[in-house]
N, C-alpha and C. Protein backbone atom coordinates (compact mmCIF):
# COMPACT_ATOMS: atom_id res chain seq x y z
N MET A 1 18.21 7.36 -3.55
CA MET A 1 17.59 7.16 -2.13
C MET A 1 17.37 8.74 -1.98
N SER A 2 16.21 9.10 -1.52
CA SER A 2 15.47 10.59 -1.54
C SER A 2 14.78 10.15 0.45
N HIS A 3 15.19 11.48 1.47
CA HIS A 3 14.54 11.90 2.11
C HIS A 3 13.09 11.09 2.55
N TYR A 4 12.65 12.15 1.69
CA TYR A 4 10.74 11.47 1.32
C TYR A 4 9.94 10.70 1.06
N ASP A 5 11.12 9.32 1.05
CA ASP A 5 10.60 8.06 0.38
C ASP A 5 10.37 7.04 1.21
N PHE A 6 10.47 7.10 2.28
CA PHE A 6 10.61 6.89 3.50
C PHE A 6 10.45 7.23 5.25
N PHE A 7 9.28 6.29 5.91
CA PHE A 7 9.40 7.26 7.30
C PHE A 7 8.58 6.17 8.21
N GLN A 8 8.88 6.30 9.29
CA GLN A 8 8.13 4.80 10.38
C GLN A 8 7.96 6.72 11.14
N ASN A 9 7.06 5.65 12.15
CA ASN A 9 6.44 5.87 13.33
C ASN A 9 6.36 4.70 14.50
N ARG A 10 7.94 4.73 15.25
CA ARG A 10 8.02 3.74 15.49
C ARG A 10 7.66 3.56 17.15
N GLU A 11 6.58 5.25 17.46
CA GLU A 11 5.50 5.50 18.90
C GLU A 11 3.90 4.38 18.18
N CYS A 12 3.80 4.55 17.25
CA CYS A 12 2.80 3.91 16.76
C CYS A 12 2.45 2.06 17.49
N GLU A 13 1.74 2.00 17.78
CA GLU A 13 1.03 0.80 19.17
C GLU A 13 0.50 -0.28 17.81
N TYR A 14 1.33 -0.13 16.51
CA TYR A 14 0.77 -1.57 15.65
C TYR A 14 2.48 -1.83 15.07
N PHE A 15 3.22 -1.21 15.29
CA PHE A 15 4.32 -0.93 14.43
C PHE A 15 5.51 -2.06 14.65
N PRO A 16 6.45 -2.54 13.80
CA PRO A 16 5.32 -2.99 12.31
C PRO A 16 3.76 -3.61 12.52
N CYS A 17 3.36 -2.74 11.89
CA CYS A 17 1.55 -3.99 11.33
C CYS A 17 1.61 -5.22 10.60
N HIS A 18 2.98 -5.58 10.17
CA HIS A 18 3.10 -6.84 9.18
C HIS A 18 3.40 -7.74 9.91
N PRO A 19 3.21 -9.20 10.22
CA PRO A 19 3.92 -10.22 11.02
C PRO A 19 5.12 -10.21 9.63
N GLY A 20 6.36 -10.72 10.72
CA GLY A 20 7.62 -10.65 9.87
C GLY A 20 8.09 -9.80 9.52
N ALA A 21 7.95 -8.32 9.39
CA ALA A 21 8.33 -7.55 8.65
C ALA A 21 9.55 -7.09 9.77
N ASP A 22 10.42 -6.70 9.22
CA ASP A 22 11.82 -5.78 9.58
C ASP A 22 11.64 -4.59 10.15
N PRO A 23 11.55 -4.64 11.47
CA PRO A 23 11.42 -3.20 11.82
C PRO A 23 12.26 -1.95 11.39
N GLU A 24 13.91 -2.45 11.41
CA GLU A 24 15.01 -1.64 10.90
C GLU A 24 14.47 -0.82 9.30
N THR A 25 13.79 -2.02 8.52
CA THR A 25 13.81 -1.24 7.07
C THR A 25 12.14 -1.06 6.84
N PHE A 26 10.89 -1.14 8.08
CA PHE A 26 10.12 -1.17 7.32
C PHE A 26 9.25 0.59 7.44
N SER A 27 9.00 0.94 6.35
CA SER A 27 8.21 2.48 5.97
C SER A 27 6.88 2.02 5.89
N CYS A 28 6.64 3.30 6.95
CA CYS A 28 5.08 3.61 7.03
C CYS A 28 4.64 4.66 6.25
N LEU A 29 5.22 4.69 5.99
CA LEU A 29 4.66 6.08 4.60
C LEU A 29 3.44 5.78 3.52
N PHE A 30 3.46 4.64 3.83
CA PHE A 30 1.76 4.20 2.56
C PHE A 30 1.08 3.49 4.01
N CYS A 31 1.10 3.60 5.20
CA CYS A 31 -0.08 2.93 5.89
C CYS A 31 -0.88 2.39 5.73
N TYR A 32 -2.18 2.81 4.63
CA TYR A 32 -2.98 2.33 3.59
C TYR A 32 -2.57 2.38 2.43
N CYS A 33 -2.81 1.31 2.31
CA CYS A 33 -1.91 1.19 0.87
C CYS A 33 -3.05 1.60 -0.11
N PRO A 34 -2.44 2.76 -1.27
CA PRO A 34 -2.38 3.86 -1.97
C PRO A 34 -3.32 2.66 -3.53
N LEU A 35 -2.58 1.69 -3.37
CA LEU A 35 -3.14 0.61 -4.15
C LEU A 35 -4.17 -0.54 -4.30
N TYR A 36 -4.63 -0.21 -3.03
CA TYR A 36 -5.47 -1.66 -2.42
C TYR A 36 -6.92 -1.17 -3.66
N ALA A 37 -7.46 -0.14 -3.95
CA ALA A 37 -8.29 0.02 -4.72
C ALA A 37 -8.25 -0.78 -5.92
N LEU A 38 -6.88 -1.00 -6.19
CA LEU A 38 -6.96 -1.35 -7.87
C LEU A 38 -7.00 -3.37 -7.64
N GLY A 39 -7.54 -3.51 -6.57
CA GLY A 39 -7.85 -5.25 -6.59
C GLY A 39 -6.82 -5.92 -6.72
N ASP A 40 -6.97 -6.94 -7.73
CA ASP A 40 -6.34 -7.96 -8.15
C ASP A 40 -4.82 -7.27 -8.90
N LYS A 41 -4.56 -5.85 -9.75
CA LYS A 41 -3.64 -5.39 -10.34
C LYS A 41 -2.99 -4.77 -9.24
N CYS A 42 -2.66 -4.63 -8.34
CA CYS A 42 -1.99 -3.64 -7.44
C CYS A 42 -0.67 -4.23 -7.50
N GLY A 43 -0.25 -5.32 -7.69
CA GLY A 43 0.78 -5.69 -7.73
C GLY A 43 1.38 -6.40 -6.00
N GLY A 44 0.22 -6.64 -5.54
CA GLY A 44 1.21 -7.12 -4.11
C GLY A 44 0.62 -8.49 -3.78
N HIS A 45 1.09 -9.08 -2.82
CA HIS A 45 0.59 -10.04 -2.57
C HIS A 45 -0.14 -10.43 -1.50
N PHE A 46 -1.35 -10.63 -1.37
CA PHE A 46 -2.85 -10.76 -1.10
C PHE A 46 -3.40 -12.20 -1.76
N THR A 47 -4.00 -12.39 0.09
CA THR A 47 -5.30 -13.19 -0.52
C THR A 47 -6.90 -12.34 -0.43
N TYR A 48 -7.98 -13.76 -0.42
CA TYR A 48 -8.91 -12.93 -0.18
C TYR A 48 -9.21 -14.23 0.95
N THR A 49 -10.62 -12.56 1.53
CA THR A 49 -11.12 -14.08 3.18
C THR A 49 -11.97 -14.68 2.60
N GLU A 50 -12.78 -15.33 3.00
CA GLU A 50 -13.97 -16.01 3.22
C GLU A 50 -15.26 -15.13 2.69
N ASN A 51 -15.46 -14.06 2.75
CA ASN A 51 -16.57 -12.81 2.03
C ASN A 51 -15.81 -12.44 2.09
N GLY A 52 -14.73 -12.44 0.62
CA GLY A 52 -14.07 -12.26 -0.32
C GLY A 52 -13.91 -10.38 -0.23
N ILE A 53 -13.24 -10.32 1.32
CA ILE A 53 -12.12 -8.81 1.11
C ILE A 53 -11.26 -9.00 1.27
N LYS A 54 -10.52 -8.75 1.03
CA LYS A 54 -9.11 -8.50 0.43
C LYS A 54 -7.80 -8.67 1.61
N ASP A 55 -7.22 -9.38 1.90
CA ASP A 55 -6.19 -9.20 3.46
C ASP A 55 -4.98 -9.18 2.21
N CYS A 56 -4.13 -7.74 3.11
CA CYS A 56 -2.75 -7.93 2.61
C CYS A 56 -2.15 -7.76 3.80
N THR A 57 -2.20 -9.20 4.65
CA THR A 57 -1.46 -8.69 5.83
C THR A 57 0.38 -9.47 5.39
N HIS A 58 -0.10 -9.97 4.23
CA HIS A 58 0.96 -10.39 4.16
C HIS A 58 2.41 -9.88 3.33
N CYS A 59 1.10 -8.84 2.78
CA CYS A 59 2.24 -7.86 1.69
C CYS A 59 3.11 -6.79 2.62
N LEU A 60 4.53 -6.67 1.96
CA LEU A 60 5.29 -5.41 2.31
C LEU A 60 5.25 -4.77 1.16
N ARG A 61 4.98 -5.03 -0.11
CA ARG A 61 5.60 -3.82 -1.09
C ARG A 61 5.29 -2.56 -0.38
N PRO A 62 4.04 -2.22 -0.26
CA PRO A 62 3.96 -0.38 0.15
C PRO A 62 4.75 0.11 1.07
N HIS A 63 5.64 -1.08 1.82
CA HIS A 63 6.40 -0.54 3.13
C HIS A 63 7.70 -0.77 3.28
N ARG A 64 8.30 -1.09 2.05
CA ARG A 64 9.81 -0.96 1.57
C ARG A 64 10.49 0.01 0.30
N ARG A 65 11.13 0.79 0.91
CA ARG A 65 11.87 2.18 0.22
C ARG A 65 11.89 1.98 -1.07
N GLU A 66 12.34 1.32 -1.46
CA GLU A 66 13.01 0.95 -2.86
C GLU A 66 11.52 0.36 -3.22
N ASN A 67 10.55 0.28 -3.07
CA ASN A 67 9.13 0.13 -4.09
C ASN A 67 8.68 1.36 -3.67
N TYR A 68 9.05 2.52 -3.73
CA TYR A 68 8.12 4.29 -3.72
C TYR A 68 8.23 4.47 -4.73
N GLY A 69 8.80 4.34 -6.11
CA GLY A 69 9.15 4.74 -7.13
C GLY A 69 7.78 3.82 -8.34
N ASP A 70 7.61 2.65 -7.56
CA ASP A 70 6.76 1.62 -8.64
C ASP A 70 6.06 2.35 -7.93
N ILE A 71 5.45 2.69 -6.69
CA ILE A 71 4.15 2.90 -6.10
C ILE A 71 3.10 4.04 -6.57
N MET A 72 4.36 4.92 -6.09
CA MET A 72 4.19 6.75 -7.20
C MET A 72 3.71 6.21 -8.58
N LYS A 73 4.45 5.59 -9.67
CA LYS A 73 3.97 5.10 -11.37
C LYS A 73 2.68 4.84 -10.90
N ALA A 74 2.01 3.60 -10.00
CA ALA A 74 0.76 2.79 -10.30
C ALA A 74 -0.56 4.15 -9.85
N MET A 75 -0.09 5.21 -9.24
CA MET A 75 -0.92 6.29 -8.80
C MET A 75 -1.56 6.38 -9.89
N GLY A 76 -0.79 6.66 -11.34
CA GLY A 76 -2.09 7.14 -12.30
C GLY A 76 -3.26 5.87 -12.60
N ALA A 77 -2.58 4.53 -11.94
CA ALA A 77 -4.22 3.73 -11.89
C ALA A 77 -5.22 3.74 -11.17
N VAL A 78 -4.77 4.59 -9.95
CA VAL A 78 -5.20 4.75 -9.05
C VAL A 78 -6.47 5.97 -9.50
N LEU A 79 -5.73 6.62 -9.53
CA LEU A 79 -6.13 8.35 -9.84
C LEU A 79 -7.37 8.15 -11.18
N GLU A 80 -7.10 7.48 -12.50
CA GLU A 80 -7.91 7.28 -13.40
C GLU A 80 -8.87 6.24 -12.98
N LEU A 81 -9.30 5.83 -12.13
CA LEU A 81 -10.16 4.74 -10.97
C LEU A 81 -11.29 5.88 -10.33
N ALA A 82 -10.54 6.54 -9.63
CA ALA A 82 -11.57 7.79 -8.75
C ALA A 82 -11.73 8.66 -9.53
N ARG A 83 -11.18 9.33 -10.62
CA ARG A 83 -11.90 9.85 -11.92
C ARG A 83 -13.44 9.21 -12.95
N ARG A 84 -12.64 8.06 -12.81
CA ARG A 84 -13.89 6.70 -13.73
C ARG A 84 -15.16 7.44 -11.92
N LYS A 85 -15.00 6.72 -11.07
CA LYS A 85 -15.69 6.51 -10.03
C LYS A 85 -16.76 7.92 -9.72
N GLU A 86 -15.49 8.55 -9.91
CA GLU A 86 -16.69 10.56 -9.39
C GLU A 86 -17.53 10.30 -10.86
N GLY A 87 -17.33 10.10 -12.19
CA GLY A 87 -18.17 10.55 -13.26
C GLY A 87 -19.37 9.87 -12.66
N ASP A 88 -19.07 8.33 -12.85
CA ASP A 88 -20.85 7.39 -12.24
C ASP A 88 -21.43 8.58 -11.42
N ARG A 89 -21.08 8.96 -10.73
CA ARG A 89 -21.87 9.56 -9.46
C ARG A 89 -22.04 10.80 -10.07
N LYS A 90 -21.86 11.71 -11.05
CA LYS A 90 -22.92 12.48 -12.02
C LYS A 90 -23.92 12.12 -12.65
């Protein structure tokens, strides 16, 4: 366990922003999930709305300290996706 793998903002008006989350263990470090762009390969618990939008309301994967290492390992896939998107713009 490290000091950089967990952060809380208890003053946030949405804290904790997921229903049923334990405020004592809820990490705000990845407030906006960096794996969202991976779609169905993010590894989290999500659904799709009727409009086809990914709904991560019940996913706590990025908000648990013990998942920090897994999130960081998956960032390679996010960076690759960004590189491909950047290549499409050229």
